[in-house]
Amino acid sequence: MPAMRSAQIQPFTSDTLPNRAAAPDGGRTARLQVSVMAEEDIMALARQLWHEAVYRHIGGLPQAPADVEDWLRRTLAGPPADEPPQRWLNYTLRRQDSGAYAGLLQATLHEGIAEVAYLLAPAQWGQGLAGEALRWLHGELARVSPGTPCWATTLPANERSWRLLERCG
């Protein structure tokens, strides 16, 4: 495994937190429609993501799809007011060919970095969609918060995600 890298990071304050609006209609990749997550996405997205394989490396499968829905609603609501300054960007991923939900793409802007995360439905794995989505997100973050470094992490046991992050830089 590659060595961990560290850098001096300048924390955001409430005055310096990037505040450019996310593209209201998201964007597209070669095969995905990327949209800002909305309440109407939650039930269908939760059904796609409620799968043991999705949660294997992030704490285990929630007991019911309703638990995933609750988490997505908290995500949609944004950061709690009592936390340090941060901004949450949440996007749904849908297949352009079928309109089916493929997954979720996120970035949390905090402490001088953009922490990125992604969840894809298992039926979408192995097709290069996560890499496509992360390349789109990198471009969107360059527009929304120019110069902010991206950061992601995964458990070493999650080899697929590890390889993806290595490919994406």
N, C-alpha and C. Protein backbone atom coordinates (compact mmCIF):
# COMPACT_ATOMS: atom_id res chain seq x y z
N MET A 1 0.82 -1.18 0.00
CA MET A 1 0.00 0.00 0.00
C MET A 1 0.87 1.24 0.00
N PRO A 2 0.37 2.31 -0.65
CA PRO A 2 1.15 3.54 -0.68
C PRO A 2 1.26 4.16 0.71
N ALA A 3 2.33 4.88 0.91
CA ALA A 3 2.52 5.58 2.18
C ALA A 3 1.50 6.70 2.29
N MET A 4 1.10 6.99 3.51
CA MET A 4 0.18 8.10 3.75
C MET A 4 0.92 9.41 3.52
N ARG A 5 0.23 10.38 3.00
CA ARG A 5 0.81 11.70 2.79
C ARG A 5 0.15 12.68 3.75
N SER A 6 0.89 13.66 4.17
CA SER A 6 0.31 14.71 5.00
C SER A 6 0.74 16.05 4.45
N ALA A 7 -0.03 17.06 4.79
CA ALA A 7 0.27 18.41 4.32
C ALA A 7 -0.23 19.41 5.35
N GLN A 8 0.36 20.58 5.34
CA GLN A 8 -0.15 21.67 6.16
C GLN A 8 -1.47 22.11 5.56
N ILE A 9 -2.51 22.12 6.37
CA ILE A 9 -3.83 22.50 5.88
C ILE A 9 -4.31 23.68 6.69
N GLN A 10 -4.73 24.72 6.00
CA GLN A 10 -5.25 25.91 6.63
C GLN A 10 -6.75 25.73 6.87
N PRO A 11 -7.22 25.74 8.12
CA PRO A 11 -8.64 25.52 8.37
C PRO A 11 -9.50 26.63 7.77
N PHE A 12 -10.72 26.23 7.34
CA PHE A 12 -11.71 27.22 6.93
C PHE A 12 -12.26 27.87 8.19
N THR A 13 -12.66 29.11 8.07
CA THR A 13 -13.43 29.77 9.11
C THR A 13 -14.77 30.12 8.48
N SER A 14 -15.70 30.62 9.27
CA SER A 14 -17.00 30.98 8.70
C SER A 14 -16.83 32.08 7.64
N ASP A 15 -15.75 32.86 7.72
CA ASP A 15 -15.52 33.92 6.73
C ASP A 15 -14.83 33.40 5.47
N THR A 16 -14.10 32.28 5.56
CA THR A 16 -13.34 31.81 4.40
C THR A 16 -13.91 30.53 3.77
N LEU A 17 -14.99 29.98 4.33
CA LEU A 17 -15.58 28.77 3.78
C LEU A 17 -16.10 29.05 2.37
N PRO A 18 -15.63 28.29 1.38
CA PRO A 18 -16.07 28.52 0.01
C PRO A 18 -17.59 28.46 -0.08
N ASN A 19 -18.18 29.41 -0.80
CA ASN A 19 -19.63 29.49 -0.84
C ASN A 19 -20.18 29.62 -2.25
N ARG A 20 -19.42 29.24 -3.26
CA ARG A 20 -19.98 29.23 -4.60
C ARG A 20 -21.03 28.15 -4.65
N ALA A 21 -22.12 28.46 -5.30
CA ALA A 21 -23.22 27.49 -5.37
C ALA A 21 -22.84 26.29 -6.20
N ALA A 22 -23.31 25.12 -5.77
CA ALA A 22 -23.18 23.93 -6.59
C ALA A 22 -24.03 24.13 -7.84
N ALA A 23 -23.60 23.56 -8.94
CA ALA A 23 -24.39 23.68 -10.16
C ALA A 23 -25.80 23.17 -9.88
N PRO A 24 -26.84 23.99 -10.10
CA PRO A 24 -28.20 23.60 -9.70
C PRO A 24 -28.69 22.34 -10.40
N ASP A 25 -28.24 22.10 -11.59
CA ASP A 25 -28.69 20.89 -12.29
C ASP A 25 -27.58 19.84 -12.33
N GLY A 26 -26.53 20.02 -11.52
CA GLY A 26 -25.45 19.03 -11.46
C GLY A 26 -24.66 19.02 -12.75
N GLY A 27 -24.62 17.89 -13.39
CA GLY A 27 -23.85 17.76 -14.62
C GLY A 27 -23.96 16.36 -15.17
N ARG A 28 -23.12 16.07 -16.11
CA ARG A 28 -23.12 14.76 -16.75
C ARG A 28 -21.71 14.26 -16.91
N THR A 29 -21.60 12.94 -16.92
CA THR A 29 -20.37 12.29 -17.34
C THR A 29 -20.77 11.52 -18.61
N ALA A 30 -19.90 10.70 -19.09
CA ALA A 30 -20.22 9.92 -20.28
C ALA A 30 -21.46 9.06 -20.08
N ARG A 31 -21.65 8.52 -18.85
CA ARG A 31 -22.77 7.60 -18.63
C ARG A 31 -23.68 7.96 -17.47
N LEU A 32 -23.35 9.03 -16.73
CA LEU A 32 -24.11 9.38 -15.54
C LEU A 32 -24.71 10.78 -15.61
N GLN A 33 -25.89 10.92 -15.05
CA GLN A 33 -26.47 12.23 -14.77
C GLN A 33 -26.19 12.48 -13.29
N VAL A 34 -25.55 13.60 -13.00
CA VAL A 34 -25.22 13.97 -11.62
C VAL A 34 -26.13 15.12 -11.23
N SER A 35 -26.86 14.95 -10.13
CA SER A 35 -27.81 15.98 -9.70
C SER A 35 -27.63 16.27 -8.21
N VAL A 36 -27.89 17.51 -7.84
CA VAL A 36 -27.88 17.85 -6.42
C VAL A 36 -28.98 17.02 -5.77
N MET A 37 -28.64 16.33 -4.68
CA MET A 37 -29.61 15.47 -4.01
C MET A 37 -30.78 16.28 -3.49
N ALA A 38 -31.99 15.73 -3.66
CA ALA A 38 -33.22 16.37 -3.19
C ALA A 38 -34.06 15.35 -2.43
N GLU A 39 -35.01 15.84 -1.68
CA GLU A 39 -35.89 14.96 -0.89
C GLU A 39 -36.53 13.88 -1.76
N GLU A 40 -36.93 14.21 -2.96
CA GLU A 40 -37.61 13.23 -3.82
C GLU A 40 -36.69 12.09 -4.28
N ASP A 41 -35.40 12.22 -4.08
CA ASP A 41 -34.45 11.15 -4.44
C ASP A 41 -34.30 10.10 -3.34
N ILE A 42 -34.65 10.45 -2.13
CA ILE A 42 -34.24 9.67 -0.97
C ILE A 42 -34.77 8.24 -0.96
N MET A 43 -36.05 8.03 -1.16
CA MET A 43 -36.59 6.67 -1.05
C MET A 43 -35.98 5.73 -2.09
N ALA A 44 -35.94 6.14 -3.34
CA ALA A 44 -35.41 5.28 -4.40
C ALA A 44 -33.90 5.05 -4.21
N LEU A 45 -33.19 6.09 -3.82
CA LEU A 45 -31.75 5.96 -3.59
C LEU A 45 -31.47 5.01 -2.43
N ALA A 46 -32.25 5.13 -1.35
CA ALA A 46 -32.08 4.25 -0.19
C ALA A 46 -32.30 2.79 -0.58
N ARG A 47 -33.28 2.52 -1.41
CA ARG A 47 -33.53 1.14 -1.84
C ARG A 47 -32.34 0.58 -2.62
N GLN A 48 -31.70 1.43 -3.44
CA GLN A 48 -30.55 0.97 -4.21
C GLN A 48 -29.33 0.74 -3.33
N LEU A 49 -29.18 1.55 -2.30
CA LEU A 49 -27.98 1.48 -1.46
C LEU A 49 -28.10 0.51 -0.28
N TRP A 50 -29.32 0.06 0.04
CA TRP A 50 -29.50 -0.85 1.17
C TRP A 50 -29.12 -2.25 0.73
N HIS A 51 -27.84 -2.54 0.89
CA HIS A 51 -27.29 -3.82 0.46
C HIS A 51 -26.05 -4.09 1.32
N GLU A 52 -25.92 -5.31 1.79
CA GLU A 52 -24.82 -5.66 2.69
C GLU A 52 -23.46 -5.30 2.11
N ALA A 53 -23.28 -5.51 0.82
CA ALA A 53 -21.98 -5.24 0.19
C ALA A 53 -21.61 -3.76 0.26
N VAL A 54 -22.59 -2.88 0.18
CA VAL A 54 -22.33 -1.44 0.23
C VAL A 54 -21.76 -1.04 1.59
N TYR A 55 -22.25 -1.67 2.64
CA TYR A 55 -21.89 -1.27 4.01
C TYR A 55 -20.84 -2.16 4.66
N ARG A 56 -20.29 -3.10 3.92
CA ARG A 56 -19.32 -4.07 4.46
C ARG A 56 -18.15 -3.37 5.16
N HIS A 57 -17.67 -2.27 4.60
CA HIS A 57 -16.48 -1.61 5.15
C HIS A 57 -16.80 -0.31 5.88
N ILE A 58 -18.08 -0.03 6.07
CA ILE A 58 -18.44 1.23 6.73
C ILE A 58 -19.45 1.01 7.86
N GLY A 59 -19.25 -0.04 8.62
CA GLY A 59 -20.04 -0.21 9.83
C GLY A 59 -21.15 -1.24 9.78
N GLY A 60 -21.39 -1.85 8.65
CA GLY A 60 -22.42 -2.89 8.57
C GLY A 60 -23.75 -2.36 8.07
N LEU A 61 -24.53 -3.29 7.55
CA LEU A 61 -25.83 -2.97 6.94
C LEU A 61 -26.80 -2.40 7.97
N PRO A 62 -27.39 -1.24 7.68
CA PRO A 62 -28.46 -0.74 8.55
C PRO A 62 -29.61 -1.75 8.60
N GLN A 63 -30.39 -1.70 9.66
CA GLN A 63 -31.43 -2.70 9.86
C GLN A 63 -32.51 -2.68 8.78
N ALA A 64 -32.81 -1.51 8.23
CA ALA A 64 -33.90 -1.41 7.25
C ALA A 64 -33.61 -0.26 6.29
N PRO A 65 -34.24 -0.29 5.11
CA PRO A 65 -34.08 0.84 4.18
C PRO A 65 -34.47 2.17 4.82
N ALA A 66 -35.41 2.15 5.75
CA ALA A 66 -35.81 3.39 6.42
C ALA A 66 -34.64 4.03 7.16
N ASP A 67 -33.72 3.21 7.67
CA ASP A 67 -32.53 3.75 8.35
C ASP A 67 -31.63 4.47 7.35
N VAL A 68 -31.52 3.95 6.15
CA VAL A 68 -30.74 4.62 5.09
C VAL A 68 -31.44 5.92 4.71
N GLU A 69 -32.77 5.88 4.60
CA GLU A 69 -33.53 7.11 4.30
C GLU A 69 -33.28 8.17 5.36
N ASP A 70 -33.31 7.79 6.62
CA ASP A 70 -33.06 8.75 7.71
C ASP A 70 -31.67 9.36 7.59
N TRP A 71 -30.67 8.53 7.31
CA TRP A 71 -29.30 9.03 7.14
C TRP A 71 -29.23 10.00 5.95
N LEU A 72 -29.89 9.65 4.85
CA LEU A 72 -29.88 10.55 3.68
C LEU A 72 -30.56 11.87 4.00
N ARG A 73 -31.62 11.85 4.78
CA ARG A 73 -32.30 13.11 5.17
C ARG A 73 -31.39 13.97 6.05
N ARG A 74 -30.67 13.33 6.97
CA ARG A 74 -29.71 14.09 7.80
C ARG A 74 -28.61 14.68 6.92
N THR A 75 -28.16 13.91 5.95
CA THR A 75 -27.15 14.38 5.01
C THR A 75 -27.67 15.57 4.22
N LEU A 76 -28.89 15.46 3.75
CA LEU A 76 -29.51 16.53 2.97
C LEU A 76 -29.68 17.81 3.79
N ALA A 77 -29.94 17.66 5.09
CA ALA A 77 -30.14 18.82 5.96
C ALA A 77 -28.86 19.64 6.14
N GLY A 78 -27.71 19.02 5.94
CA GLY A 78 -26.45 19.75 6.07
C GLY A 78 -25.87 19.63 7.46
N PRO A 79 -24.73 20.25 7.66
CA PRO A 79 -24.02 20.11 8.93
C PRO A 79 -24.77 20.76 10.09
N PRO A 80 -24.68 20.15 11.26
CA PRO A 80 -25.28 20.77 12.45
C PRO A 80 -24.64 22.13 12.73
N ALA A 81 -25.43 23.03 13.22
CA ALA A 81 -24.96 24.40 13.49
C ALA A 81 -23.86 24.46 14.53
N ASP A 82 -23.81 23.47 15.43
CA ASP A 82 -22.82 23.52 16.51
C ASP A 82 -21.48 22.90 16.13
N GLU A 83 -21.31 22.51 14.87
CA GLU A 83 -20.03 21.95 14.41
C GLU A 83 -19.17 23.05 13.79
N PRO A 84 -17.86 22.79 13.68
CA PRO A 84 -16.98 23.78 13.03
C PRO A 84 -17.48 24.09 11.61
N PRO A 85 -17.11 25.24 11.07
CA PRO A 85 -17.58 25.63 9.75
C PRO A 85 -17.27 24.56 8.70
N GLN A 86 -18.29 24.19 7.95
CA GLN A 86 -18.15 23.22 6.88
C GLN A 86 -19.32 23.36 5.92
N ARG A 87 -19.15 22.78 4.76
CA ARG A 87 -20.19 22.82 3.74
C ARG A 87 -20.31 21.42 3.15
N TRP A 88 -21.54 20.93 3.03
CA TRP A 88 -21.79 19.60 2.49
C TRP A 88 -22.35 19.71 1.09
N LEU A 89 -21.75 18.98 0.16
CA LEU A 89 -22.25 18.87 -1.22
C LEU A 89 -22.65 17.42 -1.42
N ASN A 90 -23.90 17.20 -1.79
CA ASN A 90 -24.44 15.85 -1.94
C ASN A 90 -25.10 15.72 -3.31
N TYR A 91 -24.70 14.70 -4.05
CA TYR A 91 -25.19 14.50 -5.42
C TYR A 91 -25.69 13.07 -5.60
N THR A 92 -26.75 12.94 -6.35
CA THR A 92 -27.20 11.62 -6.77
C THR A 92 -26.59 11.31 -8.12
N LEU A 93 -26.39 10.03 -8.35
CA LEU A 93 -25.87 9.54 -9.62
C LEU A 93 -26.95 8.66 -10.25
N ARG A 94 -27.32 8.98 -11.49
CA ARG A 94 -28.30 8.17 -12.22
C ARG A 94 -27.73 7.78 -13.56
N ARG A 95 -28.05 6.58 -14.00
CA ARG A 95 -27.62 6.11 -15.31
C ARG A 95 -28.35 6.92 -16.37
N GLN A 96 -27.60 7.44 -17.35
CA GLN A 96 -28.24 8.17 -18.44
C GLN A 96 -29.06 7.24 -19.33
N ASP A 97 -28.60 5.99 -19.49
CA ASP A 97 -29.29 5.08 -20.40
C ASP A 97 -30.63 4.59 -19.87
N SER A 98 -30.79 4.49 -18.54
CA SER A 98 -32.02 3.95 -17.98
C SER A 98 -32.71 4.87 -16.98
N GLY A 99 -31.99 5.87 -16.47
CA GLY A 99 -32.54 6.73 -15.42
C GLY A 99 -32.46 6.12 -14.03
N ALA A 100 -31.95 4.88 -13.93
CA ALA A 100 -31.87 4.20 -12.63
C ALA A 100 -30.84 4.88 -11.73
N TYR A 101 -31.17 4.91 -10.44
CA TYR A 101 -30.21 5.44 -9.47
C TYR A 101 -29.01 4.52 -9.41
N ALA A 102 -27.83 5.10 -9.48
CA ALA A 102 -26.59 4.34 -9.42
C ALA A 102 -25.90 4.53 -8.08
N GLY A 103 -26.07 5.70 -7.44
CA GLY A 103 -25.40 5.92 -6.17
C GLY A 103 -25.42 7.36 -5.71
N LEU A 104 -24.50 7.64 -4.81
CA LEU A 104 -24.40 8.92 -4.11
C LEU A 104 -22.95 9.39 -4.14
N LEU A 105 -22.76 10.66 -4.34
CA LEU A 105 -21.44 11.28 -4.38
C LEU A 105 -21.48 12.47 -3.43
N GLN A 106 -20.44 12.60 -2.59
CA GLN A 106 -20.44 13.65 -1.58
C GLN A 106 -19.08 14.33 -1.46
N ALA A 107 -19.12 15.57 -1.01
CA ALA A 107 -17.91 16.28 -0.63
C ALA A 107 -18.25 17.13 0.59
N THR A 108 -17.37 17.09 1.57
CA THR A 108 -17.49 17.93 2.74
C THR A 108 -16.31 18.88 2.72
N LEU A 109 -16.59 20.16 2.61
CA LEU A 109 -15.55 21.19 2.63
C LEU A 109 -15.35 21.61 4.09
N HIS A 110 -14.17 21.31 4.62
CA HIS A 110 -13.89 21.65 6.02
C HIS A 110 -12.38 21.66 6.23
N GLU A 111 -11.95 22.48 7.16
CA GLU A 111 -10.54 22.53 7.58
C GLU A 111 -9.58 22.62 6.41
N GLY A 112 -9.95 23.34 5.37
CA GLY A 112 -9.06 23.56 4.24
C GLY A 112 -8.99 22.44 3.22
N ILE A 113 -9.84 21.43 3.34
CA ILE A 113 -9.85 20.31 2.39
C ILE A 113 -11.27 20.02 1.90
N ALA A 114 -11.35 19.25 0.84
CA ALA A 114 -12.62 18.71 0.37
C ALA A 114 -12.55 17.21 0.57
N GLU A 115 -13.26 16.71 1.55
CA GLU A 115 -13.28 15.28 1.84
C GLU A 115 -14.37 14.64 0.99
N VAL A 116 -13.98 13.72 0.12
CA VAL A 116 -14.94 13.13 -0.82
C VAL A 116 -15.32 11.73 -0.39
N ALA A 117 -16.55 11.35 -0.75
CA ALA A 117 -17.07 10.02 -0.45
C ALA A 117 -18.03 9.60 -1.55
N TYR A 118 -18.24 8.31 -1.66
CA TYR A 118 -19.13 7.79 -2.69
C TYR A 118 -19.70 6.46 -2.24
N LEU A 119 -20.92 6.20 -2.64
CA LEU A 119 -21.56 4.90 -2.45
C LEU A 119 -22.25 4.56 -3.76
N LEU A 120 -21.99 3.38 -4.28
CA LEU A 120 -22.66 2.92 -5.49
C LEU A 120 -23.41 1.64 -5.20
N ALA A 121 -24.55 1.48 -5.84
CA ALA A 121 -25.31 0.23 -5.74
C ALA A 121 -24.46 -0.89 -6.34
N PRO A 122 -24.45 -2.06 -5.73
CA PRO A 122 -23.60 -3.15 -6.22
C PRO A 122 -23.81 -3.49 -7.70
N ALA A 123 -25.01 -3.32 -8.20
CA ALA A 123 -25.26 -3.61 -9.62
C ALA A 123 -24.46 -2.69 -10.54
N GLN A 124 -23.95 -1.58 -9.99
CA GLN A 124 -23.20 -0.60 -10.79
C GLN A 124 -21.69 -0.78 -10.65
N TRP A 125 -21.26 -1.68 -9.80
CA TRP A 125 -19.83 -1.87 -9.55
C TRP A 125 -19.14 -2.50 -10.76
N GLY A 126 -17.85 -2.23 -10.88
CA GLY A 126 -17.02 -2.88 -11.89
C GLY A 126 -17.19 -2.33 -13.29
N GLN A 127 -17.82 -1.19 -13.43
CA GLN A 127 -18.07 -0.60 -14.75
C GLN A 127 -17.35 0.72 -14.96
N GLY A 128 -16.58 1.15 -13.96
CA GLY A 128 -15.87 2.41 -14.07
C GLY A 128 -16.70 3.63 -13.71
N LEU A 129 -17.91 3.43 -13.19
CA LEU A 129 -18.79 4.56 -12.89
C LEU A 129 -18.30 5.39 -11.71
N ALA A 130 -17.73 4.75 -10.69
CA ALA A 130 -17.24 5.50 -9.54
C ALA A 130 -16.10 6.42 -9.95
N GLY A 131 -15.19 5.93 -10.79
CA GLY A 131 -14.10 6.78 -11.27
C GLY A 131 -14.62 7.93 -12.10
N GLU A 132 -15.60 7.66 -12.94
CA GLU A 132 -16.24 8.70 -13.75
C GLU A 132 -16.85 9.78 -12.85
N ALA A 133 -17.55 9.32 -11.82
CA ALA A 133 -18.19 10.25 -10.88
C ALA A 133 -17.15 11.06 -10.11
N LEU A 134 -16.09 10.42 -9.66
CA LEU A 134 -15.06 11.15 -8.92
C LEU A 134 -14.34 12.16 -9.80
N ARG A 135 -14.12 11.85 -11.06
CA ARG A 135 -13.51 12.84 -11.97
C ARG A 135 -14.45 14.04 -12.15
N TRP A 136 -15.75 13.79 -12.26
CA TRP A 136 -16.70 14.89 -12.36
C TRP A 136 -16.64 15.74 -11.08
N LEU A 137 -16.63 15.07 -9.91
CA LEU A 137 -16.61 15.80 -8.64
C LEU A 137 -15.35 16.64 -8.51
N HIS A 138 -14.23 16.11 -8.96
CA HIS A 138 -12.98 16.87 -8.90
C HIS A 138 -13.13 18.17 -9.69
N GLY A 139 -13.71 18.10 -10.87
CA GLY A 139 -13.95 19.29 -11.67
C GLY A 139 -14.93 20.25 -11.01
N GLU A 140 -15.97 19.71 -10.42
CA GLU A 140 -16.96 20.55 -9.73
C GLU A 140 -16.33 21.25 -8.53
N LEU A 141 -15.50 20.53 -7.79
CA LEU A 141 -14.83 21.15 -6.64
C LEU A 141 -13.86 22.23 -7.08
N ALA A 142 -13.20 22.04 -8.19
CA ALA A 142 -12.31 23.08 -8.72
C ALA A 142 -13.10 24.34 -9.05
N ARG A 143 -14.34 24.18 -9.48
CA ARG A 143 -15.20 25.33 -9.79
C ARG A 143 -15.75 25.97 -8.51
N VAL A 144 -16.24 25.15 -7.59
CA VAL A 144 -16.90 25.63 -6.38
C VAL A 144 -15.90 26.16 -5.36
N SER A 145 -14.75 25.51 -5.25
CA SER A 145 -13.77 25.84 -4.23
C SER A 145 -12.36 25.72 -4.82
N PRO A 146 -11.98 26.62 -5.73
CA PRO A 146 -10.69 26.51 -6.42
C PRO A 146 -9.52 26.38 -5.46
N GLY A 147 -8.61 25.48 -5.79
CA GLY A 147 -7.39 25.32 -5.01
C GLY A 147 -7.52 24.47 -3.76
N THR A 148 -8.73 24.02 -3.44
CA THR A 148 -8.91 23.19 -2.25
C THR A 148 -8.51 21.76 -2.57
N PRO A 149 -7.57 21.19 -1.81
CA PRO A 149 -7.17 19.81 -2.09
C PRO A 149 -8.27 18.82 -1.72
N CYS A 150 -8.38 17.76 -2.51
CA CYS A 150 -9.33 16.68 -2.25
C CYS A 150 -8.66 15.62 -1.39
N TRP A 151 -9.46 14.97 -0.58
CA TRP A 151 -8.97 13.95 0.32
C TRP A 151 -10.03 12.87 0.43
N ALA A 152 -9.61 11.63 0.48
CA ALA A 152 -10.52 10.50 0.70
C ALA A 152 -9.76 9.43 1.46
N THR A 153 -10.49 8.56 2.10
CA THR A 153 -9.87 7.46 2.83
C THR A 153 -10.74 6.22 2.69
N THR A 154 -10.13 5.09 2.89
CA THR A 154 -10.85 3.82 2.91
C THR A 154 -10.06 2.85 3.78
N LEU A 155 -10.72 1.84 4.23
CA LEU A 155 -10.03 0.79 4.99
C LEU A 155 -9.18 -0.04 4.04
N PRO A 156 -8.02 -0.49 4.47
CA PRO A 156 -7.18 -1.32 3.61
C PRO A 156 -7.91 -2.57 3.09
N ALA A 157 -8.85 -3.10 3.87
CA ALA A 157 -9.58 -4.29 3.44
C ALA A 157 -10.51 -4.02 2.25
N ASN A 158 -10.84 -2.76 2.03
CA ASN A 158 -11.71 -2.41 0.91
C ASN A 158 -10.83 -2.19 -0.33
N GLU A 159 -10.35 -3.30 -0.87
CA GLU A 159 -9.38 -3.23 -1.95
C GLU A 159 -9.91 -2.54 -3.21
N ARG A 160 -11.17 -2.75 -3.54
CA ARG A 160 -11.74 -2.11 -4.74
C ARG A 160 -11.69 -0.58 -4.61
N SER A 161 -12.10 -0.09 -3.45
CA SER A 161 -12.09 1.35 -3.22
C SER A 161 -10.66 1.88 -3.18
N TRP A 162 -9.77 1.13 -2.56
CA TRP A 162 -8.36 1.53 -2.48
C TRP A 162 -7.79 1.71 -3.89
N ARG A 163 -8.03 0.73 -4.77
CA ARG A 163 -7.52 0.81 -6.14
C ARG A 163 -8.14 2.00 -6.89
N LEU A 164 -9.42 2.23 -6.68
CA LEU A 164 -10.09 3.37 -7.32
C LEU A 164 -9.44 4.68 -6.89
N LEU A 165 -9.24 4.84 -5.60
CA LEU A 165 -8.64 6.08 -5.11
C LEU A 165 -7.22 6.26 -5.63
N GLU A 166 -6.46 5.18 -5.75
CA GLU A 166 -5.12 5.27 -6.32
C GLU A 166 -5.19 5.73 -7.78
N ARG A 167 -6.11 5.17 -8.55
CA ARG A 167 -6.26 5.58 -9.95
C ARG A 167 -6.67 7.04 -10.10
N CYS A 168 -7.51 7.50 -9.18
CA CYS A 168 -8.02 8.88 -9.26
C CYS A 168 -7.03 9.90 -8.70
N GLY A 169 -5.98 9.42 -8.05
CA GLY A 169 -4.96 10.33 -7.53
C GLY A 169 -5.33 10.92 -6.22
